[in-house]
Amino acid sequence: MKLIEHRRIINKNPQAYETDLESERLVKSIINHIRNDFSNVRFDKQKREILREIVILLFEAQQHRPFFHVEGTELPLCWNRPSDWNIDYIKYEWGHLLSQNQMPEKSSSIENIGLYSARCNQHIQSSMNIQELMVYGGLLAQRISNVLTNRRILFASKKWNNLITSLYD
């Protein structure tokens, strides 16, 4: 399959951005990214339910789209890795706002990850910190600014803080 075909099938699926949130895959994979900050936590069924809520809240802060999603193009500018071009939805990856490459000591924070498409993670951000992408300006900088504002509001919320506290209990 060619990339253009993959983008077309994503575009035709009205649930393309939500489908992957229904599986347990993202809950399981978030654990690997935050394990250093939660080294004393046993991620049993109850903790995984808390993580599911956290994943949903992060997705809502991104307005139900990949972190770097911009509107206004005929075909989506976010897509999967070539091995997943046969699916008609975005298969999310965890991306790090502060790059694992540049800031490994801060990269395991739960507030440092977001839901990215493979293209977002590997082609747009690469190994840069999120602030470095603002230099591109335009729609991308506007999108980043909006998502970061939503995340600041989320991280200051009582609901977020209660969920994080519950993970440690």
C-alpha atoms as a PDB file:
ATOM      1  CA  MET A   1       0.000   0.000   0.000  1.00  0.00           C
ATOM      2  CA  LYS A   2       1.144   3.521  -0.729  1.00  0.00           C
ATOM      3  CA  LEU A   3       1.052   6.329   1.824  1.00  0.00           C
ATOM      4  CA  ILE A   4      -1.571   8.256  -0.140  1.00  0.00           C
ATOM      5  CA  GLU A   5      -3.887   5.226   0.033  1.00  0.00           C
ATOM      6  CA  HIS A   6      -3.338   4.905   3.774  1.00  0.00           C
ATOM      7  CA  ARG A   7      -4.178   8.578   4.284  1.00  0.00           C
ATOM      8  CA  ARG A   8      -7.322   8.150   2.181  1.00  0.00           C
ATOM      9  CA  ILE A   9      -8.598   5.202   4.223  1.00  0.00           C
ATOM     10  CA  ILE A  10      -7.952   7.082   7.469  1.00  0.00           C
ATOM     11  CA  ASN A  11      -9.822  10.045   6.042  1.00  0.00           C
ATOM     12  CA  LYS A  12     -12.838   7.879   5.188  1.00  0.00           C
ATOM     13  CA  ASN A  13     -13.127   6.440   8.708  1.00  0.00           C
ATOM     14  CA  PRO A  14     -15.178   8.740  10.991  1.00  0.00           C
ATOM     15  CA  GLN A  15     -13.727   6.883  14.025  1.00  0.00           C
ATOM     16  CA  ALA A  16     -10.114   7.001  12.808  1.00  0.00           C
ATOM     17  CA  TYR A  17      -8.898   9.004  15.796  1.00  0.00           C
ATOM     18  CA  GLU A  18     -10.870   7.219  18.524  1.00  0.00           C
ATOM     19  CA  THR A  19     -10.640   3.529  17.598  1.00  0.00           C
ATOM     20  CA  ASP A  20      -7.229   2.868  19.171  1.00  0.00           C
ATOM     21  CA  LEU A  21      -8.385   4.273  22.526  1.00  0.00           C
ATOM     22  CA  GLU A  22     -10.797   1.369  22.907  1.00  0.00           C
ATOM     23  CA  SER A  23      -8.074  -1.266  23.299  1.00  0.00           C
ATOM     24  CA  GLU A  24      -5.900  -1.997  26.339  1.00  0.00           C
ATOM     25  CA  ARG A  25      -2.717  -1.498  24.309  1.00  0.00           C
ATOM     26  CA  LEU A  26      -2.214   2.143  25.282  1.00  0.00           C
ATOM     27  CA  VAL A  27      -2.788   1.430  28.968  1.00  0.00           C
ATOM     28  CA  LYS A  28      -0.210  -1.361  28.857  1.00  0.00           C
ATOM     29  CA  SER A  29       2.287   0.699  26.903  1.00  0.00           C
ATOM     30  CA  ILE A  30       2.040   3.803  29.113  1.00  0.00           C
ATOM     31  CA  ILE A  31       3.444   1.754  32.005  1.00  0.00           C
ATOM     32  CA  ASN A  32       6.765   1.332  30.208  1.00  0.00           C
ATOM     33  CA  HIS A  33       7.049   5.090  29.743  1.00  0.00           C
ATOM     34  CA  ILE A  34       6.281   6.083  33.337  1.00  0.00           C
ATOM     35  CA  ARG A  35       7.788   3.150  35.241  1.00  0.00           C
ATOM     36  CA  ASN A  36      10.756   5.164  36.597  1.00  0.00           C
ATOM     37  CA  ASP A  37       8.451   7.687  38.262  1.00  0.00           C
ATOM     38  CA  PHE A  38       6.163   4.943  39.575  1.00  0.00           C
ATOM     39  CA  SER A  39       8.760   2.318  40.487  1.00  0.00           C
ATOM     40  CA  ASN A  40       6.981   1.362  43.723  1.00  0.00           C
ATOM     41  CA  VAL A  41       3.559   1.014  42.106  1.00  0.00           C
ATOM     42  CA  ARG A  42       2.135  -2.387  41.227  1.00  0.00           C
ATOM     43  CA  PHE A  43      -0.043  -1.855  38.165  1.00  0.00           C
ATOM     44  CA  ASP A  44      -2.860  -4.220  39.078  1.00  0.00           C
ATOM     45  CA  LYS A  45      -6.355  -4.090  37.588  1.00  0.00           C
ATOM     46  CA  GLN A  46      -7.400  -1.096  39.710  1.00  0.00           C
ATOM     47  CA  LYS A  47      -4.276   0.913  38.797  1.00  0.00           C
ATOM     48  CA  ARG A  48      -4.776   0.066  35.131  1.00  0.00           C
ATOM     49  CA  GLU A  49      -8.311   1.499  35.331  1.00  0.00           C
ATOM     50  CA  ILE A  50      -6.818   4.709  36.722  1.00  0.00           C
ATOM     51  CA  LEU A  51      -4.323   4.720  33.858  1.00  0.00           C
ATOM     52  CA  ARG A  52      -7.194   4.272  31.401  1.00  0.00           C
ATOM     53  CA  GLU A  53      -8.815   7.428  32.802  1.00  0.00           C
ATOM     54  CA  ILE A  54      -5.484   9.252  32.532  1.00  0.00           C
ATOM     55  CA  VAL A  55      -5.098   8.182  28.890  1.00  0.00           C
ATOM     56  CA  ILE A  56      -8.598   9.471  28.118  1.00  0.00           C
ATOM     57  CA  LEU A  57      -7.899  12.792  29.849  1.00  0.00           C
ATOM     58  CA  LEU A  58      -4.675  13.248  27.888  1.00  0.00           C
ATOM     59  CA  PHE A  59      -6.570  12.468  24.682  1.00  0.00           C
ATOM     60  CA  GLU A  60      -9.272  14.995  25.578  1.00  0.00           C
ATOM     61  CA  ALA A  61      -6.597  17.643  26.200  1.00  0.00           C
ATOM     62  CA  GLN A  62      -5.439  16.950  22.634  1.00  0.00           C
ATOM     63  CA  GLN A  63      -8.994  17.544  21.393  1.00  0.00           C
ATOM     64  CA  HIS A  64      -9.374  13.857  20.447  1.00  0.00           C
ATOM     65  CA  ARG A  65      -6.604  13.997  17.856  1.00  0.00           C
ATOM     66  CA  PRO A  66      -2.875  13.184  17.634  1.00  0.00           C
ATOM     67  CA  PHE A  67      -0.701  15.744  19.391  1.00  0.00           C
ATOM     68  CA  PHE A  68       0.429  17.490  16.174  1.00  0.00           C
ATOM     69  CA  HIS A  69      -2.841  17.162  14.243  1.00  0.00           C
ATOM     70  CA  VAL A  70      -3.725  20.196  12.157  1.00  0.00           C
ATOM     71  CA  GLU A  71      -6.995  20.757  10.311  1.00  0.00           C
ATOM     72  CA  GLY A  72      -7.550  22.236   6.911  1.00  0.00           C
ATOM     73  CA  THR A  73      -5.938  19.766   4.543  1.00  0.00           C
ATOM     74  CA  GLU A  74      -7.689  17.413   2.136  1.00  0.00           C
ATOM     75  CA  LEU A  75      -6.002  14.336   3.645  1.00  0.00           C
ATOM     76  CA  PRO A  76      -4.733  13.809   7.197  1.00  0.00           C
ATOM     77  CA  LEU A  77      -1.200  14.908   7.982  1.00  0.00           C
ATOM     78  CA  CYS A  78      -0.913  12.272  10.714  1.00  0.00           C
ATOM     79  CA  TRP A  79      -0.492   8.620   9.805  1.00  0.00           C
ATOM     80  CA  ASN A  80       0.864   5.267  10.950  1.00  0.00           C
ATOM     81  CA  ARG A  81       4.177   3.563  10.350  1.00  0.00           C
ATOM     82  CA  PRO A  82       4.304   1.611   7.053  1.00  0.00           C
ATOM     83  CA  SER A  83       3.672  -1.746   8.769  1.00  0.00           C
ATOM     84  CA  ASP A  84       0.293  -0.332   9.913  1.00  0.00           C
ATOM     85  CA  TRP A  85      -0.811   1.290   6.662  1.00  0.00           C
ATOM     86  CA  ASN A  86      -3.384  -1.471   6.226  1.00  0.00           C
ATOM     87  CA  ILE A  87      -5.492  -0.200   9.150  1.00  0.00           C
ATOM     88  CA  ASP A  88      -8.004   2.617   8.818  1.00  0.00           C
ATOM     89  CA  TYR A  89      -7.309   4.377  12.110  1.00  0.00           C
ATOM     90  CA  ILE A  90      -4.427   6.061  13.877  1.00  0.00           C
ATOM     91  CA  LYS A  91      -2.430   3.606  15.966  1.00  0.00           C
ATOM     92  CA  TYR A  92      -1.105   5.866  18.697  1.00  0.00           C
ATOM     93  CA  GLU A  93       2.392   5.939  20.124  1.00  0.00           C
ATOM     94  CA  TRP A  94       3.567   7.653  23.275  1.00  0.00           C
ATOM     95  CA  GLY A  95       5.704  10.645  22.448  1.00  0.00           C
ATOM     96  CA  HIS A  96       7.803  12.657  24.884  1.00  0.00           C
ATOM     97  CA  LEU A  97       7.424  16.439  25.016  1.00  0.00           C
ATOM     98  CA  LEU A  98      10.889  16.699  26.502  1.00  0.00           C
ATOM     99  CA  SER A  99      12.836  14.303  24.340  1.00  0.00           C
ATOM    100  CA  GLN A 100      14.243  11.072  25.749  1.00  0.00           C
ATOM    101  CA  ASN A 101      17.318  11.850  23.678  1.00  0.00           C
ATOM    102  CA  GLN A 102      17.899  15.350  25.076  1.00  0.00           C
ATOM    103  CA  MET A 103      16.406  15.099  28.576  1.00  0.00           C
ATOM    104  CA  PRO A 104      16.316  11.448  29.703  1.00  0.00           C
ATOM    105  CA  GLU A 105      16.090  12.438  33.368  1.00  0.00           C
ATOM    106  CA  LYS A 106      12.703  14.131  32.772  1.00  0.00           C
ATOM    107  CA  SER A 107      11.286  11.883  30.084  1.00  0.00           C
ATOM    108  CA  SER A 108       9.521   9.374  32.370  1.00  0.00           C
ATOM    109  CA  SER A 109       7.132  11.921  33.890  1.00  0.00           C
ATOM    110  CA  ILE A 110       3.484  11.168  33.138  1.00  0.00           C
ATOM    111  CA  GLU A 111       3.088  14.866  32.314  1.00  0.00           C
ATOM    112  CA  ASN A 112       5.802  14.549  29.680  1.00  0.00           C
ATOM    113  CA  ILE A 113       4.001  12.150  27.359  1.00  0.00           C
ATOM    114  CA  GLY A 114       1.332  12.591  24.732  1.00  0.00           C
ATOM    115  CA  LEU A 115      -0.516  10.544  22.149  1.00  0.00           C
ATOM    116  CA  TYR A 116       1.264  10.839  18.824  1.00  0.00           C
ATOM    117  CA  SER A 117       0.821   9.248  15.436  1.00  0.00           C
ATOM    118  CA  ALA A 118       3.947   7.506  14.139  1.00  0.00           C
ATOM    119  CA  ARG A 119       4.499  10.381  11.722  1.00  0.00           C
ATOM    120  CA  CYS A 120       4.226  12.913  14.561  1.00  0.00           C
ATOM    121  CA  ASN A 121       6.675  10.989  16.705  1.00  0.00           C
ATOM    122  CA  GLN A 122       9.278  10.115  14.100  1.00  0.00           C
ATOM    123  CA  HIS A 123       9.041  12.810  11.434  1.00  0.00           C
ATOM    124  CA  ILE A 124       7.756  15.964  13.092  1.00  0.00           C
ATOM    125  CA  GLN A 125       9.218  15.886  16.588  1.00  0.00           C
ATOM    126  CA  SER A 126      12.040  13.397  16.075  1.00  0.00           C
ATOM    127  CA  SER A 127      14.421  13.934  18.984  1.00  0.00           C
ATOM    128  CA  MET A 128      13.577  17.578  19.555  1.00  0.00           C
ATOM    129  CA  ASN A 129      11.945  19.060  22.624  1.00  0.00           C
ATOM    130  CA  ILE A 130       8.425  20.372  22.085  1.00  0.00           C
ATOM    131  CA  GLN A 131       9.539  24.010  22.446  1.00  0.00           C
ATOM    132  CA  GLU A 132      11.946  23.584  19.540  1.00  0.00           C
ATOM    133  CA  LEU A 133       9.010  22.838  17.229  1.00  0.00           C
ATOM    134  CA  MET A 134       7.431  26.209  17.948  1.00  0.00           C
ATOM    135  CA  VAL A 135      10.070  27.754  15.659  1.00  0.00           C
ATOM    136  CA  TYR A 136       8.183  26.329  12.674  1.00  0.00           C
ATOM    137  CA  GLY A 137       5.333  28.711  13.446  1.00  0.00           C
ATOM    138  CA  GLY A 138       2.007  28.668  11.644  1.00  0.00           C
ATOM    139  CA  LEU A 139      -0.590  25.969  12.202  1.00  0.00           C
ATOM    140  CA  LEU A 140       1.853  23.617  13.929  1.00  0.00           C
ATOM    141  CA  ALA A 141       2.893  26.197  16.543  1.00  0.00           C
ATOM    142  CA  GLN A 142      -0.745  27.168  17.068  1.00  0.00           C
ATOM    143  CA  ARG A 143      -1.724  23.514  17.577  1.00  0.00           C
ATOM    144  CA  ILE A 144       1.133  22.921  20.029  1.00  0.00           C
ATOM    145  CA  SER A 145       0.206  26.042  21.972  1.00  0.00           C
ATOM    146  CA  ASN A 146      -3.464  24.982  22.198  1.00  0.00           C
ATOM    147  CA  VAL A 147      -2.621  21.461  23.353  1.00  0.00           C
ATOM    148  CA  LEU A 148      -0.080  22.706  25.904  1.00  0.00           C
ATOM    149  CA  THR A 149      -2.668  25.132  27.305  1.00  0.00           C
ATOM    150  CA  ASN A 150      -5.228  22.329  27.594  1.00  0.00           C
ATOM    151  CA  ARG A 151      -2.638  20.148  29.327  1.00  0.00           C
ATOM    152  CA  ARG A 152      -1.730  22.884  31.836  1.00  0.00           C
ATOM    153  CA  ILE A 153      -5.411  23.200  32.735  1.00  0.00           C
ATOM    154  CA  LEU A 154      -5.703  19.409  33.016  1.00  0.00           C
ATOM    155  CA  PHE A 155      -2.602  19.043  35.208  1.00  0.00           C
ATOM    156  CA  ALA A 156      -3.887  21.749  37.565  1.00  0.00           C
ATOM    157  CA  SER A 157      -7.280  20.075  37.891  1.00  0.00           C
ATOM    158  CA  LYS A 158      -8.491  18.287  40.984  1.00  0.00           C
ATOM    159  CA  LYS A 159      -9.497  15.274  38.895  1.00  0.00           C
ATOM    160  CA  TRP A 160      -5.962  14.854  37.507  1.00  0.00           C
ATOM    161  CA  ASN A 161      -4.342  15.249  40.901  1.00  0.00           C
ATOM    162  CA  ASN A 162      -6.746  12.752  42.472  1.00  0.00           C
ATOM    163  CA  LEU A 163      -5.929  10.190  39.772  1.00  0.00           C
ATOM    164  CA  ILE A 164      -2.178  10.651  40.203  1.00  0.00           C
ATOM    165  CA  THR A 165      -2.529  10.367  43.994  1.00  0.00           C
ATOM    166  CA  SER A 166      -4.617   7.212  43.516  1.00  0.00           C
ATOM    167  CA  LEU A 167      -1.814   5.624  41.513  1.00  0.00           C
ATOM    168  CA  TYR A 168       0.515   5.928  44.515  1.00  0.00           C
ATOM    169  CA  ASP A 169      -2.078   4.641  47.048  1.00  0.00           C
END
